[in-house]
Amino acid sequence: MHVDLLSMLFGAVAAGWFLFNISAAWMQRYVPPFSQVLKRAPGSDATPSVTVVIAARDERRRIEESVRRMLAQRGVDLELVVVDDRSADGTQEILERLRGVDPRLNVIRVDTLPDGWLGKQHACHIGAQHARGDWILFTDADTWINPTLIADTIRAAVAEQADLVCLLPAQKKINLWGRAAILVFCLGLLIAAARANRNRRRSPVGIGAYNLVRAEAYRRAGGYAALRMEVIDDMKLGMLLERHGSRLRCWTAADEAEMDWAASPGELMRALEKNFFALADLRFGIAAFAVAIMFTAWFAAIAGLFSGRWTGYAAFAGLMLMPFPAALFARHSRWGLLPAILAPAVYPLLPWTLVRSTWLTWRQGGIRWRGTLYPLDLLRKHLVPLFARAPRDRATGPLR
């Protein structure tokens, strides 16, 4: 019996693309905009206490506006802890001046990074140690939020019985191709968020721009002390909490928050260089397998258009289905259809970024972050693996 291996390959690629794109579209019904979630949350007269932790390094251009906006939050008993992580651009002087204006601002200076710590993770750990609030919000110096967002998020978290809520802000300063790249990048994130919102097991989620966590659950899970060498600390924080019985939630917040992350595909690639390889648990075999699958899926779909086989046409059609889930997500940011239409063309940026991240890590012998090179052996030694089973403690579950 003659076996047409090429047709089998095209068929497998077609099935993969259709499954991914249909899943990415369907799962978005479980990741609603935050405004919709808030409508279901009951009102509350309580004033929750929250500590906002910002790990800042060389943020002179944005830190003053970010601090002032954060201190303008309403409906919460607010404490703001800004950890100045070895800044050398005048950030420290700005923070010291602002501290004299508002006593709710606590500025902590880090001059020396201890051995066995990544810089941002150490700064978040120090900030959390000084937190007095019942909730802790880990956010970035380039994230701006609406004046009632923290209070609203806590109200939604209580209604959902969640210990961690992460929100995906909008990006305002971004070009057309950058929007297309972000859409492709976020499709996988939305599937993970949907699984977490449906309380599925082994579904970690976290967003560094906005991770709001119940302080008691954070400390019970070990906090940043357990993530001291974790490059993708935002997601791993969610994983730690989930493994300790916490419920996680993730929603989009394009109308309530904005961040300044990556304005173009090139900036997105550079932003992901340090942590994309970490998604493969710092293992070259997993990274190589992922790259092979992603590139094969894309090239086979393109080749399918010229193959003369119906399975090849199906593979191409599966790839061309990507604008549908991308457009569903793009409407949250009001980006229109054009970035979604460009999504299939931008897709190869993902495997190429993983190639580049893996290559740079191998060439450098580790990961360079905030001016420090962290050896690969040391990172692996303290790795909290994504691809390992862990016991789940339900004795102290999320219901309160």
Protein backbone atom coordinates (compact mmCIF):
# COMPACT_ATOMS: atom_id res chain seq x y z
CA MET A 1 0.00 0.00 0.00
CA HIS A 2 1.36 3.36 -1.04
CA VAL A 3 1.58 5.86 1.79
CA ASP A 4 1.64 9.54 0.83
CA LEU A 5 3.76 10.94 3.67
CA LEU A 6 3.50 14.48 2.36
CA SER A 7 -0.29 14.34 2.39
CA MET A 8 -0.15 12.95 5.91
CA LEU A 9 2.07 15.85 6.97
CA PHE A 10 -0.29 18.40 5.41
CA GLY A 11 -3.24 16.69 7.10
CA ALA A 12 -1.59 16.79 10.49
CA VAL A 13 -0.68 20.47 10.04
CA ALA A 14 -4.24 21.29 8.94
CA ALA A 15 -5.68 19.55 11.99
CA GLY A 16 -3.25 21.36 14.27
CA TRP A 17 -4.03 24.80 12.86
CA PHE A 18 -7.78 24.29 12.93
CA LEU A 19 -7.65 22.97 16.49
CA PHE A 20 -5.48 25.86 17.70
CA ASN A 21 -7.41 28.65 16.03
CA ILE A 22 -10.85 27.32 16.91
CA SER A 23 -9.71 26.79 20.51
CA ALA A 24 -8.22 30.30 20.66
CA ALA A 25 -11.50 31.74 19.42
CA TRP A 26 -13.76 29.62 21.63
CA MET A 27 -11.68 30.10 24.79
CA GLN A 28 -11.97 33.89 24.60
CA ARG A 29 -15.52 33.62 25.89
CA TYR A 30 -13.91 32.69 29.22
CA VAL A 31 -11.59 35.73 29.23
CA PRO A 32 -14.02 38.65 29.23
CA PRO A 33 -13.08 42.32 29.56
CA PHE A 34 -12.73 43.36 33.17
CA SER A 35 -15.66 45.77 32.87
CA GLN A 36 -17.98 42.81 32.25
CA VAL A 37 -16.59 40.91 35.23
CA LEU A 38 -17.06 43.93 37.48
CA LYS A 39 -20.76 44.14 36.65
CA ARG A 40 -21.25 40.70 38.22
CA ALA A 41 -19.34 41.55 41.40
CA PRO A 42 -21.47 42.72 44.34
CA GLY A 43 -20.77 46.10 45.88
CA SER A 44 -18.90 46.49 49.15
CA ASP A 45 -18.59 49.19 51.78
CA ALA A 46 -15.28 47.79 53.06
CA THR A 47 -12.01 49.59 52.39
CA PRO A 48 -9.42 46.90 51.64
CA SER A 49 -5.78 47.43 52.50
CA VAL A 50 -3.30 46.94 49.66
CA THR A 51 0.43 47.33 49.19
CA VAL A 52 1.60 48.15 45.69
CA VAL A 53 5.12 46.93 44.93
CA ILE A 54 7.04 48.44 42.02
CA ALA A 55 10.52 47.16 41.20
CA ALA A 56 12.16 50.09 39.40
CA ARG A 57 15.50 50.30 37.64
CA ASP A 58 16.55 53.36 35.65
CA GLU A 59 12.99 54.62 35.22
CA ARG A 60 13.70 58.36 35.40
CA ARG A 61 11.45 59.16 32.44
CA ARG A 62 8.33 57.48 33.84
CA ILE A 63 8.66 56.94 37.55
CA GLU A 64 7.22 60.26 38.77
CA GLU A 65 4.05 60.01 36.71
CA SER A 66 3.65 56.33 37.65
CA VAL A 67 4.01 57.06 41.37
CA ARG A 68 1.60 60.00 41.27
CA ARG A 69 -1.00 57.97 39.41
CA MET A 70 -0.68 55.07 41.84
CA LEU A 71 -1.05 57.34 44.86
CA ALA A 72 -4.27 58.68 43.30
CA GLN A 73 -6.02 55.32 43.75
CA ARG A 74 -9.39 55.57 45.46
CA GLY A 75 -11.39 53.14 47.56
CA VAL A 76 -8.38 51.39 49.16
CA ASP A 77 -6.11 51.84 52.14
CA LEU A 78 -2.99 52.22 50.00
CA GLU A 79 0.68 51.73 50.71
CA LEU A 80 3.15 52.14 47.84
CA VAL A 81 6.55 50.44 48.09
CA VAL A 82 8.98 51.33 45.32
CA VAL A 83 12.19 49.31 45.36
CA ASP A 84 14.92 51.20 43.53
CA ASP A 85 17.00 48.36 42.12
CA ARG A 86 20.47 49.87 41.60
CA SER A 87 19.27 52.75 39.41
CA ALA A 88 21.95 55.09 38.11
CA ASP A 89 19.92 57.57 36.07
CA GLY A 90 18.42 59.82 38.74
CA THR A 91 15.48 57.58 39.65
CA GLN A 92 16.57 57.59 43.30
CA GLU A 93 16.52 61.38 43.56
CA ILE A 94 13.01 61.59 42.08
CA LEU A 95 11.72 58.96 44.49
CA GLU A 96 13.29 60.66 47.51
CA ARG A 97 11.62 63.93 46.56
CA LEU A 98 8.24 62.24 46.14
CA ARG A 99 8.59 60.44 49.48
CA GLY A 100 8.72 63.79 51.22
CA VAL A 101 5.37 64.74 49.70
CA ASP A 102 3.28 61.66 50.55
CA PRO A 103 3.93 59.44 53.61
CA ARG A 104 2.20 56.48 51.91
CA LEU A 105 5.26 56.14 49.67
CA ASN A 106 8.01 53.89 51.02
CA VAL A 107 11.23 53.96 48.99
CA ILE A 108 13.76 51.16 49.46
CA ARG A 109 17.15 51.38 47.80
CA VAL A 110 19.06 48.25 46.71
CA ASP A 111 22.72 48.96 46.03
CA THR A 112 24.05 45.39 45.90
CA LEU A 113 22.35 42.32 44.50
CA PRO A 114 22.81 39.28 46.79
CA ASP A 115 24.14 36.04 45.33
CA GLY A 116 21.48 33.64 44.10
CA TRP A 117 18.94 36.29 43.13
CA LEU A 118 17.72 37.89 39.92
CA GLY A 119 17.45 41.64 40.30
CA LYS A 120 13.72 42.16 39.75
CA GLN A 121 12.80 39.09 41.79
CA HIS A 122 14.92 40.30 44.68
CA ALA A 123 13.31 43.74 44.48
CA CYS A 124 9.82 42.22 44.51
CA HIS A 125 10.79 40.04 47.46
CA ILE A 126 12.09 43.02 49.43
CA GLY A 127 8.98 45.02 48.61
CA ALA A 128 6.66 42.19 49.70
CA GLN A 129 8.57 41.84 52.98
CA HIS A 130 7.64 45.44 53.80
CA ALA A 131 4.01 45.02 52.72
CA ARG A 132 1.40 45.68 55.39
CA GLY A 133 -1.68 45.29 53.21
CA ASP A 134 -4.01 42.30 53.01
CA TRP A 135 -3.40 42.37 49.25
CA ILE A 136 -0.18 42.92 47.30
CA LEU A 137 -0.13 44.30 43.77
CA PHE A 138 3.07 43.63 41.82
CA THR A 139 3.25 46.02 38.88
CA ASP A 140 5.77 47.78 36.66
CA ALA A 141 6.92 51.38 36.52
CA ASP A 142 5.58 51.69 32.97
CA THR A 143 2.03 50.59 33.83
CA TRP A 144 -0.69 53.21 34.37
CA ILE A 145 -4.10 52.31 35.76
CA ASN A 146 -7.46 53.98 36.38
CA PRO A 147 -8.01 55.55 39.83
CA THR A 148 -10.44 52.86 41.04
CA LEU A 149 -8.91 49.80 39.38
CA ILE A 150 -7.26 48.30 42.48
CA ALA A 151 -10.43 48.58 44.57
CA ASP A 152 -12.47 47.17 41.70
CA THR A 153 -10.06 44.29 41.17
CA ILE A 154 -10.16 43.31 44.84
CA ARG A 155 -13.96 43.37 44.72
CA ALA A 156 -13.91 41.08 41.67
CA ALA A 157 -11.33 38.79 43.29
CA VAL A 158 -13.48 38.40 46.42
CA ALA A 159 -16.54 37.66 44.29
CA GLU A 160 -14.61 35.03 42.34
CA GLN A 161 -12.96 33.61 45.51
CA ALA A 162 -9.60 34.12 43.81
CA ASP A 163 -6.23 34.58 45.47
CA LEU A 164 -4.56 36.02 42.38
CA VAL A 165 -5.98 38.26 39.68
CA CYS A 166 -3.88 39.35 36.73
CA LEU A 167 -5.00 41.89 34.18
CA LEU A 168 -3.76 42.40 30.63
CA PRO A 169 -3.40 46.15 29.96
CA ALA A 170 -3.60 47.79 26.57
CA GLN A 171 -0.56 49.09 24.72
CA LYS A 172 -1.15 52.55 23.33
CA LYS A 173 2.20 53.33 21.71
CA ILE A 174 2.50 50.54 19.16
CA ASN A 175 2.69 50.40 15.37
CA LEU A 176 0.63 48.25 13.00
CA TRP A 177 3.05 45.31 12.76
CA GLY A 178 3.65 45.50 16.49
CA ARG A 179 -0.09 45.09 17.06
CA ALA A 180 -0.12 42.03 14.80
CA ALA A 181 2.81 40.53 16.71
CA ILE A 182 1.15 41.16 20.08
CA LEU A 183 -2.05 39.49 18.84
CA VAL A 184 -0.17 36.34 17.85
CA PHE A 185 1.75 36.31 21.13
CA CYS A 186 -1.44 36.74 23.16
CA LEU A 187 -3.40 33.90 21.55
CA GLY A 188 -1.50 31.32 23.57
CA LEU A 189 -1.78 33.46 26.69
CA LEU A 190 -5.56 33.70 26.26
CA ILE A 191 -5.88 29.91 26.14
CA ALA A 192 -3.92 29.66 29.40
CA ALA A 193 -6.06 32.41 30.95
CA ALA A 194 -9.27 30.67 29.91
CA ARG A 195 -8.14 27.43 31.51
CA ALA A 196 -7.30 29.26 34.74
CA ASN A 197 -10.65 31.06 34.74
CA ARG A 198 -12.35 27.67 34.41
CA ASN A 199 -10.36 26.30 37.38
CA ARG A 200 -8.52 23.77 35.26
CA ARG A 201 -5.55 22.03 36.87
CA ARG A 202 -1.99 22.84 35.80
CA SER A 203 -3.04 26.16 34.26
CA PRO A 204 -0.62 28.78 35.57
CA VAL A 205 -1.15 32.37 34.51
CA GLY A 206 0.42 35.66 35.49
CA ILE A 207 1.13 39.08 33.99
CA GLY A 208 4.02 41.13 35.32
CA ALA A 209 2.27 44.41 34.58
CA TYR A 210 -0.58 43.61 36.98
CA ASN A 211 -0.44 40.67 39.43
CA LEU A 212 -2.74 41.25 42.41
CA VAL A 213 -2.35 38.56 45.08
CA ARG A 214 -3.82 37.96 48.51
CA ALA A 215 -0.93 38.49 50.93
CA GLU A 216 -1.72 35.42 53.03
CA ALA A 217 -1.79 33.16 49.97
CA TYR A 218 1.42 34.72 48.65
CA ARG A 219 3.28 33.95 51.88
CA ARG A 220 1.78 30.47 52.18
CA ALA A 221 3.10 29.59 48.71
CA GLY A 222 6.62 30.81 49.51
CA GLY A 223 6.46 34.06 47.54
CA TYR A 224 9.43 35.39 45.64
CA ALA A 225 11.83 33.53 47.91
CA ALA A 226 10.81 30.43 45.95
CA LEU A 227 11.24 32.29 42.65
CA ARG A 228 14.59 33.94 43.29
CA MET A 229 16.12 32.74 40.00
CA GLU A 230 12.95 32.50 37.92
CA VAL A 231 13.03 34.52 34.72
CA ILE A 232 9.29 34.18 34.03
CA ASP A 233 8.44 35.06 37.61
CA ASP A 234 4.94 36.42 36.88
CA MET A 235 3.67 33.11 35.50
CA LYS A 236 5.60 31.06 38.05
CA LEU A 237 4.00 33.06 40.88
CA GLY A 238 0.63 31.96 39.56
CA MET A 239 1.90 28.40 39.30
CA LEU A 240 3.06 28.41 42.93
CA LEU A 241 -0.28 29.72 44.15
CA GLU A 242 -2.21 27.22 42.03
CA ARG A 243 -0.16 24.35 43.42
CA HIS A 244 -1.00 25.51 46.95
CA GLY A 245 -4.73 25.42 46.32
CA SER A 246 -5.37 28.98 45.18
CA ARG A 247 -7.80 30.02 42.51
CA LEU A 248 -6.45 32.23 39.70
CA ARG A 249 -8.21 34.68 37.43
CA CYS A 250 -7.04 36.63 34.35
CA TRP A 251 -8.99 39.22 32.38
CA THR A 252 -8.30 41.87 29.75
CA ALA A 253 -8.26 45.49 30.91
CA ALA A 254 -7.75 47.61 27.82
CA ASP A 255 -10.04 50.37 29.11
CA GLU A 256 -8.65 50.38 32.66
CA ALA A 257 -4.88 50.04 32.25
CA GLU A 258 -2.10 50.68 29.78
CA MET A 259 1.54 49.73 29.61
CA ASP A 260 4.58 50.72 27.57
CA TRP A 261 6.15 47.38 26.63
CA ALA A 262 6.93 46.78 22.95
CA ALA A 263 5.99 49.21 20.18
CA SER A 264 7.15 47.07 17.23
CA PRO A 265 7.95 43.44 16.36
CA GLY A 266 11.65 44.16 16.88
CA GLU A 267 11.03 45.55 20.36
CA LEU A 268 8.82 42.57 21.20
CA MET A 269 11.56 40.18 20.12
CA ARG A 270 14.13 41.99 22.27
CA ALA A 271 11.73 42.07 25.22
CA LEU A 272 11.29 38.29 25.01
CA GLU A 273 14.95 37.41 24.45
CA LYS A 274 15.65 36.90 28.13
CA ASN A 275 12.62 34.80 29.00
CA PHE A 276 11.39 32.86 25.96
CA PHE A 277 13.95 30.12 26.48
CA ALA A 278 12.78 29.91 30.10
CA LEU A 279 9.36 28.82 28.82
CA ALA A 280 11.15 25.65 27.71
CA ASP A 281 12.36 25.11 31.31
CA LEU A 282 15.86 26.14 30.14
CA ARG A 283 16.17 22.83 28.27
CA PHE A 284 17.63 22.88 24.78
CA GLY A 285 15.77 19.74 23.73
CA ILE A 286 12.35 21.20 24.55
CA ALA A 287 13.24 24.46 22.81
CA ALA A 288 14.45 22.65 19.68
CA PHE A 289 11.30 20.53 19.56
CA ALA A 290 9.06 23.59 19.95
CA VAL A 291 10.93 25.49 17.22
CA ALA A 292 10.70 22.53 14.86
CA ILE A 293 6.96 22.16 15.42
CA MET A 294 6.21 25.87 14.99
CA PHE A 295 8.33 26.38 11.89
CA THR A 296 7.08 23.15 10.30
CA ALA A 297 3.48 24.14 10.91
CA TRP A 298 3.97 27.52 9.24
CA PHE A 299 6.12 26.46 6.28
CA ALA A 300 3.99 23.40 5.56
CA ALA A 301 0.85 25.55 5.55
CA ILE A 302 2.41 27.98 3.06
CA ALA A 303 3.71 25.13 0.90
CA GLY A 304 0.30 23.51 1.01
CA LEU A 305 -1.12 26.26 -1.18
CA PHE A 306 1.14 25.08 -4.02
CA SER A 307 1.03 21.34 -3.29
CA GLY A 308 -1.86 20.30 -5.50
CA ARG A 309 -3.23 18.20 -2.63
CA TRP A 310 -6.47 18.85 -0.81
CA THR A 311 -4.70 18.26 2.48
CA GLY A 312 -2.22 20.98 1.52
CA TYR A 313 -5.04 23.40 0.79
CA ALA A 314 -6.56 22.46 4.16
CA ALA A 315 -3.25 23.22 5.91
CA PHE A 316 -3.12 26.65 4.30
CA ALA A 317 -6.76 27.27 5.19
CA GLY A 318 -6.04 26.35 8.80
CA LEU A 319 -3.27 28.94 8.99
CA MET A 320 -5.47 31.54 7.30
CA LEU A 321 -8.04 30.98 10.04
CA MET A 322 -5.76 32.77 12.52
CA PRO A 323 -7.18 36.27 11.82
CA PHE A 324 -10.50 35.11 13.29
CA PRO A 325 -9.34 34.58 16.91
CA ALA A 326 -6.87 37.46 16.50
CA ALA A 327 -9.71 39.80 15.49
CA LEU A 328 -11.78 38.73 18.49
CA PHE A 329 -8.93 39.75 20.76
CA ALA A 330 -8.10 42.91 18.79
CA ARG A 331 -11.57 44.33 19.45
CA HIS A 332 -10.72 44.63 23.17
CA SER A 333 -8.01 47.15 22.28
CA ARG A 334 -10.01 48.66 19.43
CA TRP A 335 -7.22 47.92 16.99
CA GLY A 336 -9.44 47.07 14.03
CA LEU A 337 -9.15 44.19 11.58
CA LEU A 338 -5.89 44.97 9.80
CA PRO A 339 -3.50 43.78 12.56
CA ALA A 340 -5.50 40.55 12.81
CA ILE A 341 -5.30 40.00 9.05
CA LEU A 342 -1.51 40.33 9.29
CA ALA A 343 -1.26 37.75 12.08
CA PRO A 344 -0.38 34.74 9.85
CA ALA A 345 2.47 36.70 8.27
CA VAL A 346 3.87 37.71 11.67
CA TYR A 347 3.58 34.25 13.24
CA PRO A 348 7.18 33.13 12.36
CA LEU A 349 8.41 35.82 14.74
CA LEU A 350 7.52 33.52 17.66
CA PRO A 351 9.72 30.54 16.75
CA TRP A 352 12.46 32.90 15.57
CA THR A 353 12.39 34.67 18.94
CA LEU A 354 12.70 31.30 20.68
CA VAL A 355 15.67 30.47 18.43
CA ARG A 356 17.30 33.78 19.24
CA SER A 357 16.59 33.49 22.97
CA THR A 358 18.03 29.96 23.05
CA TRP A 359 21.07 30.94 20.98
CA LEU A 360 21.88 33.97 23.12
CA THR A 361 21.56 31.94 26.31
CA TRP A 362 23.90 29.26 24.92
CA ARG A 363 26.43 31.78 23.56
CA GLN A 364 26.52 33.80 26.78
CA GLY A 365 26.40 30.77 29.05
CA GLY A 366 23.34 32.23 30.76
CA ILE A 367 20.78 35.03 30.70
CA ARG A 368 21.63 38.70 30.87
CA TRP A 369 19.09 40.85 32.70
CA ARG A 370 19.37 44.36 34.13
CA GLY A 371 23.08 44.46 33.39
CA THR A 372 23.93 41.17 35.13
CA LEU A 373 24.76 37.82 33.53
CA TYR A 374 23.23 34.86 35.38
CA PRO A 375 24.93 31.51 34.59
CA LEU A 376 22.70 28.83 33.09
CA ASP A 377 23.75 26.22 35.66
CA LEU A 378 22.70 28.53 38.49
CA LEU A 379 19.35 29.27 36.84
CA ARG A 380 18.66 25.56 36.39
CA LYS A 381 19.64 24.83 39.98
CA HIS A 382 16.83 27.05 41.29
CA LEU A 383 14.32 26.32 38.54
CA VAL A 384 10.69 25.73 39.46
CA PRO A 385 9.79 23.58 36.44
CA LEU A 386 6.67 24.08 34.39
CA PHE A 387 6.77 20.52 33.06
CA ALA A 388 6.81 18.66 36.39
CA ARG A 389 3.94 17.39 38.44
CA ALA A 390 3.53 18.81 41.88
CA PRO A 391 1.24 17.83 44.75
CA ARG A 392 -1.72 20.13 45.26
CA ASP A 393 -2.67 21.14 48.77
CA ARG A 394 -6.44 21.57 48.93
CA ALA A 395 -6.56 21.63 52.71
CA THR A 396 -6.10 25.37 52.62
CA GLY A 397 -8.13 26.02 49.50
CA PRO A 398 -9.35 29.35 48.18
CA LEU A 399 -12.82 29.37 49.70
CA ARG A 400 -13.08 31.89 52.50
